[in-house]
Amino acid sequence: AIYLNRGGFNGLWRFNRKGELNVPWGKRADVRVDFDAPAWAAVAARMGLYGGDYGVGLELAARCAGDGGRPAVYLDPPYAAPKGSDARPFVAYGTGLGWTMDDTFAVVDLATRVAQNGARVVLSHSADESPGGLNEKLRDTGWTIAALDVKRTISRNGATRAPVGEI
């Protein structure tokens, strides 16, 4: 996975509807993946990696917090278009997964409950200042919001790559 990520165009990791990696080869003629395997093994021995959807990760964090731990969770759900918008953002990873702002709100609701039980939770998403939008939902549920202008390095047309608002 590290090799494909390093060799793919701009570090992109994307699949088509057939579930096949569909990223063109990047500019590197030779891809080297150098890392200190014993150091990585020591880090991996101290952490848990689990497969599953966001609910699985957040429930594990809640259990850890309930046992006196201080878990940290980073959530980066697919960026859904604001409700009522005709924008067409990227809304699916892998195959067969559609994502809406209602799905993002469900992530926020569960993450809020987990954070109230002691876990540290960070969520990133495109900014949405529309009435009833994500920023309003986060403010209403007690989240601290930090606005950022983020430069995109992957785009069909490099001339149109402008910073975009994220939170």
Protein backbone atom coordinates (compact mmCIF):
# COMPACT_ATOMS: atom_id res chain seq x y z
CA ALA A 1 0.00 0.00 0.00
CA ILE A 2 2.81 2.44 0.82
CA TYR A 3 4.51 1.61 -2.46
CA LEU A 4 1.35 2.26 -4.51
CA ASN A 5 0.67 5.48 -2.63
CA ARG A 6 4.22 6.75 -3.22
CA GLY A 7 4.16 5.76 -6.90
CA GLY A 8 0.68 6.99 -7.76
CA PHE A 9 -0.02 10.41 -9.23
CA ASN A 10 0.30 13.03 -6.44
CA GLY A 11 -0.03 10.32 -3.79
CA LEU A 12 -3.63 9.74 -4.79
CA TRP A 13 -5.39 6.58 -3.63
CA ARG A 14 -8.63 6.05 -5.55
CA PHE A 15 -10.75 3.15 -6.79
CA ASN A 16 -13.22 2.83 -9.65
CA ARG A 17 -16.70 1.28 -9.41
CA LYS A 18 -15.20 -2.17 -10.01
CA GLY A 19 -13.08 -1.77 -6.89
CA GLU A 20 -9.85 -1.48 -8.91
CA LEU A 21 -7.14 1.05 -8.09
CA ASN A 22 -7.41 3.59 -10.92
CA VAL A 23 -4.59 6.04 -10.28
CA PRO A 24 -2.06 6.73 -13.03
CA TRP A 25 1.64 6.35 -12.30
CA GLY A 26 3.19 9.54 -10.94
CA LYS A 27 6.33 11.37 -12.00
CA ARG A 28 8.76 9.14 -10.10
CA ALA A 29 10.64 6.69 -12.29
CA ASP A 30 11.89 4.85 -9.21
CA VAL A 31 9.88 4.50 -6.02
CA ARG A 32 11.77 3.72 -2.84
CA VAL A 33 10.03 3.10 0.43
CA ASP A 34 12.63 3.51 3.14
CA PHE A 35 11.57 3.23 6.72
CA ASP A 36 12.94 1.88 9.94
CA ALA A 37 11.03 -1.40 10.33
CA PRO A 38 11.98 -1.96 14.02
CA ALA A 39 10.85 1.59 14.90
CA TRP A 40 7.54 1.08 13.08
CA ALA A 41 7.06 -2.27 14.81
CA ALA A 42 7.57 -0.61 18.21
CA VAL A 43 4.96 2.04 17.38
CA ALA A 44 2.49 -0.52 16.03
CA ALA A 45 2.84 -2.63 19.18
CA ARG A 46 1.53 0.31 21.23
CA MET A 47 -1.54 1.02 19.14
CA GLY A 48 -4.57 -0.78 17.86
CA LEU A 49 -5.64 -0.81 14.25
CA TYR A 50 -9.17 -1.87 13.44
CA GLY A 51 -11.10 -2.23 10.22
CA GLY A 52 -14.66 -1.02 9.97
CA ASP A 53 -16.81 2.01 9.45
CA TYR A 54 -16.70 5.15 11.56
CA GLY A 55 -19.17 3.65 14.04
CA VAL A 56 -16.77 0.81 14.87
CA GLY A 57 -13.89 3.23 15.49
CA LEU A 58 -15.97 5.60 17.59
CA GLU A 59 -17.46 2.78 19.68
CA LEU A 60 -13.94 1.45 20.35
CA ALA A 61 -12.88 4.96 21.39
CA ALA A 62 -15.89 5.22 23.70
CA ARG A 63 -15.01 1.87 25.30
CA CYS A 64 -11.38 2.96 25.77
CA ALA A 65 -12.49 6.26 27.33
CA GLY A 66 -14.87 4.37 29.63
CA ASP A 67 -11.95 2.25 30.78
CA GLY A 68 -9.98 5.37 31.75
CA GLY A 69 -8.03 5.75 28.50
CA ARG A 70 -7.65 8.97 26.50
CA PRO A 71 -8.25 7.85 22.91
CA ALA A 72 -7.80 10.25 20.02
CA VAL A 73 -9.91 9.89 16.88
CA TYR A 74 -9.47 11.68 13.56
CA LEU A 75 -12.45 11.59 11.20
CA ASP A 76 -12.30 12.62 7.55
CA PRO A 77 -15.64 11.58 6.05
CA PRO A 78 -16.40 12.06 2.35
CA TYR A 79 -17.19 15.72 1.73
CA ALA A 80 -20.90 15.95 1.02
CA ALA A 81 -22.54 18.89 -0.73
CA PRO A 82 -24.54 21.26 1.48
CA LYS A 83 -28.24 20.41 1.62
CA GLY A 84 -30.12 21.92 -1.29
CA SER A 85 -26.90 22.48 -3.26
CA ASP A 86 -26.46 21.26 -6.80
CA ALA A 87 -22.70 20.99 -6.26
CA ARG A 88 -21.13 17.67 -7.21
CA PRO A 89 -18.35 16.95 -4.73
CA PHE A 90 -16.60 13.62 -4.46
CA VAL A 91 -19.00 11.50 -2.41
CA ALA A 92 -17.88 7.87 -2.60
CA TYR A 93 -14.84 5.85 -1.62
CA GLY A 94 -14.58 2.37 -3.08
CA THR A 95 -17.72 0.91 -4.57
CA GLY A 96 -21.40 1.30 -3.81
CA LEU A 97 -21.07 3.93 -1.09
CA GLY A 98 -23.11 7.09 -1.53
CA TRP A 99 -22.60 9.81 1.08
CA THR A 100 -24.88 12.69 1.99
CA MET A 101 -24.79 15.54 4.49
CA ASP A 102 -27.25 13.52 6.63
CA ASP A 103 -24.54 10.83 6.86
CA THR A 104 -22.04 13.49 7.95
CA PHE A 105 -24.51 14.72 10.60
CA ALA A 106 -24.78 11.13 11.90
CA VAL A 107 -20.98 11.04 12.25
CA VAL A 108 -21.08 14.33 14.17
CA ASP A 109 -23.83 13.06 16.50
CA LEU A 110 -21.95 9.88 17.41
CA ALA A 111 -18.59 11.67 17.65
CA THR A 112 -20.14 14.28 19.97
CA ARG A 113 -21.37 11.57 22.35
CA VAL A 114 -17.97 9.85 22.31
CA ALA A 115 -16.17 13.16 23.00
CA GLN A 116 -18.52 13.88 25.90
CA ASN A 117 -17.33 10.58 27.40
CA GLY A 118 -13.66 11.61 27.32
CA ALA A 119 -12.30 10.84 23.86
CA ARG A 120 -10.50 13.52 21.87
CA VAL A 121 -12.13 13.85 18.46
CA VAL A 122 -11.07 15.86 15.42
CA LEU A 123 -13.16 16.04 12.26
CA SER A 124 -12.23 17.65 8.95
CA HIS A 125 -14.67 18.64 6.22
CA SER A 126 -15.37 21.28 3.63
CA ALA A 127 -16.75 24.46 5.17
CA ASP A 128 -20.55 24.77 5.02
CA GLU A 129 -21.96 28.05 6.28
CA SER A 130 -25.40 27.46 4.74
CA PRO A 131 -28.39 27.68 7.14
CA GLY A 132 -28.71 24.29 8.83
CA GLY A 133 -25.30 23.36 7.42
CA LEU A 134 -22.39 21.53 8.98
CA ASN A 135 -20.79 24.57 10.63
CA GLU A 136 -24.09 25.37 12.36
CA LYS A 137 -24.52 21.73 13.44
CA LEU A 138 -21.03 21.69 14.93
CA ARG A 139 -21.52 24.98 16.78
CA ASP A 140 -24.90 23.78 18.14
CA THR A 141 -23.30 20.60 19.51
CA GLY A 142 -20.38 22.36 21.23
CA TRP A 143 -17.54 21.76 18.77
CA THR A 144 -14.69 24.23 18.36
CA ILE A 145 -14.38 25.18 14.70
CA ALA A 146 -11.14 26.26 13.06
CA ALA A 147 -11.44 27.57 9.49
CA LEU A 148 -8.60 26.87 7.07
CA ASP A 149 -7.84 27.70 3.44
CA VAL A 150 -6.43 24.50 1.96
CA LYS A 151 -4.56 24.30 -1.33
CA ARG A 152 -5.48 21.34 -3.50
CA THR A 153 -2.70 19.58 -5.37
CA ILE A 154 -4.91 17.20 -7.33
CA SER A 155 -7.22 18.53 -10.01
CA ARG A 156 -8.04 17.85 -13.62
CA ASN A 157 -6.98 21.39 -14.51
CA GLY A 158 -3.95 22.67 -12.61
CA ALA A 159 -4.76 26.28 -13.56
CA THR A 160 -7.98 26.18 -11.54
CA ARG A 161 -6.44 24.92 -8.30
CA ALA A 162 -7.40 27.59 -5.80
CA PRO A 163 -7.48 27.35 -2.01
CA VAL A 164 -10.77 26.03 -0.66
CA GLY A 165 -12.38 26.57 2.72
CA GLU A 166 -12.21 23.70 5.16
CA ILE A 167 -12.94 23.27 8.82
